[in-house]
Amino acid sequence: MDNIVEKTLLYDYYGELLTDHRREIYEEVVFNDMSLSEAAEEYGISRQGIHDMIRRCDRAMEAYEEKLHLVRQAESVRKTVLKLQKKLEEAGMDEADRRELRQLADQIMQEME
């Protein structure tokens, strides 16, 4: 999985478990492309301190995933729903039934977002 995609998924599931301060800095550096130097200046922390904080946040969220498996479970459900949608397109049932099942699969996907 692409590094930024992985970080985004982990953050989506576990970002709220970070302190407000860490979450703010993490968002600025990782998602808003603020440089370590800019973040260090803005938050009054050394560049190395910012770097270490980002690494600690990443490790903390990875540890949550290792214990809770929420991202892995969501990805598994997503893949299953995609398979279901593909099978629905191939199935030999009437259009009304296919449409209803497709709507249910779409609802599952939306609820996961």
Protein backbone atom coordinates (compact mmCIF):
# COMPACT_ATOMS: atom_id res chain seq x y z
CA MET A 1 0.00 0.00 0.00
CA ASP A 2 1.25 3.49 -0.82
CA ASN A 3 2.79 5.18 2.23
CA ILE A 4 0.56 8.27 2.14
CA VAL A 5 -2.54 6.13 1.58
CA GLU A 6 -1.58 3.94 4.53
CA LYS A 7 -0.97 6.99 6.73
CA THR A 8 -4.29 8.47 5.66
CA LEU A 9 -6.20 5.29 6.49
CA LEU A 10 -4.49 4.93 9.85
CA TYR A 11 -5.16 8.58 10.61
CA ASP A 12 -8.82 8.28 9.56
CA TYR A 13 -9.33 5.46 12.05
CA TYR A 14 -6.98 6.40 14.87
CA GLY A 15 -6.15 10.10 14.51
CA GLU A 16 -8.70 11.08 17.14
CA LEU A 17 -6.69 9.08 19.67
CA LEU A 18 -3.75 11.48 19.29
CA THR A 19 -3.60 14.59 21.46
CA ASP A 20 -4.94 17.78 19.86
CA HIS A 21 -1.41 19.20 19.67
CA ARG A 22 0.04 16.12 17.99
CA ARG A 23 -2.92 15.82 15.65
CA GLU A 24 -2.54 19.44 14.53
CA ILE A 25 1.17 19.10 13.83
CA TYR A 26 0.70 15.71 12.14
CA GLU A 27 -1.95 17.13 9.80
CA GLU A 28 0.22 20.12 8.90
CA VAL A 29 3.33 18.08 8.13
CA VAL A 30 1.88 14.90 6.63
CA PHE A 31 -1.24 16.14 4.86
CA ASN A 32 -0.60 19.83 4.25
CA ASP A 33 3.06 19.41 3.23
CA MET A 34 4.42 21.82 5.82
CA SER A 35 8.15 21.29 6.06
CA LEU A 36 9.72 20.16 9.31
CA SER A 37 11.53 23.50 9.51
CA GLU A 38 8.30 25.47 9.01
CA ALA A 39 6.51 23.38 11.64
CA ALA A 40 9.42 23.76 14.04
CA GLU A 41 9.31 27.53 13.67
CA GLU A 42 5.52 27.74 13.94
CA TYR A 43 5.21 25.49 17.00
CA GLY A 44 8.41 26.47 18.77
CA ILE A 45 9.84 22.96 18.66
CA SER A 46 13.11 21.83 17.12
CA ARG A 47 13.06 20.32 13.65
CA GLN A 48 14.21 17.03 15.20
CA GLY A 49 11.41 17.28 17.75
CA ILE A 50 8.84 17.61 14.96
CA HIS A 51 10.38 14.66 13.12
CA ASP A 52 10.32 12.53 16.27
CA MET A 53 6.71 13.50 17.00
CA ILE A 54 5.59 12.44 13.52
CA ARG A 55 7.36 9.10 13.92
CA ARG A 56 5.79 8.57 17.38
CA CYS A 57 2.35 9.35 15.96
CA ASP A 58 2.90 6.88 13.12
CA ARG A 59 4.07 4.19 15.52
CA ALA A 60 1.15 4.81 17.88
CA MET A 61 -1.41 4.52 15.08
CA GLU A 62 0.33 1.40 13.73
CA ALA A 63 0.19 -0.11 17.22
CA TYR A 64 -3.55 0.63 17.45
CA GLU A 65 -4.05 -1.08 14.09
CA GLU A 66 -1.99 -4.06 15.20
CA LYS A 67 -4.30 -4.52 18.18
CA LEU A 68 -7.66 -3.49 16.73
CA HIS A 69 -7.37 -4.33 13.00
CA LEU A 70 -10.00 -1.75 12.01
CA VAL A 71 -8.28 -0.72 8.78
CA ARG A 72 -7.69 -4.33 7.77
CA GLN A 73 -11.30 -5.27 8.50
CA ALA A 74 -12.64 -2.29 6.56
CA GLU A 75 -10.45 -3.13 3.58
CA SER A 76 -11.64 -6.73 3.70
CA VAL A 77 -15.29 -5.65 3.73
CA ARG A 78 -14.63 -3.20 0.89
CA LYS A 79 -13.09 -5.95 -1.25
CA THR A 80 -16.00 -8.27 -0.49
CA VAL A 81 -18.53 -5.62 -1.49
CA LEU A 82 -16.63 -4.96 -4.72
CA LYS A 83 -16.76 -8.69 -5.52
CA LEU A 84 -20.47 -8.68 -4.72
CA GLN A 85 -21.03 -5.74 -7.06
CA LYS A 86 -19.13 -7.51 -9.83
CA LYS A 87 -21.16 -10.71 -9.36
CA LEU A 88 -24.36 -8.69 -9.41
CA GLU A 89 -23.48 -7.38 -12.83
CA GLU A 90 -22.90 -10.94 -14.07
CA ALA A 91 -25.88 -12.55 -12.31
CA GLY A 92 -28.81 -13.85 -14.25
CA MET A 93 -31.57 -12.25 -12.19
CA ASP A 94 -34.15 -9.67 -13.08
CA GLU A 95 -33.15 -6.02 -13.13
CA ALA A 96 -35.25 -5.04 -10.07
CA ASP A 97 -33.52 -7.59 -7.82
CA ARG A 98 -30.11 -6.68 -9.20
CA ARG A 99 -30.80 -2.96 -8.61
CA GLU A 100 -31.92 -3.60 -5.01
CA LEU A 101 -28.81 -5.66 -4.23
CA ARG A 102 -26.61 -3.05 -5.90
CA GLN A 103 -28.18 -0.34 -3.72
CA LEU A 104 -27.50 -2.39 -0.59
CA ALA A 105 -23.86 -2.88 -1.63
CA ASP A 106 -23.54 0.86 -2.31
CA GLN A 107 -25.05 1.62 1.10
CA ILE A 108 -22.46 -0.59 2.78
CA MET A 109 -19.66 1.21 0.94
CA GLN A 110 -21.03 4.62 1.92
CA GLU A 111 -21.37 3.63 5.57
CA MET A 112 -17.73 2.59 5.61
CA GLU A 113 -16.51 5.99 4.45
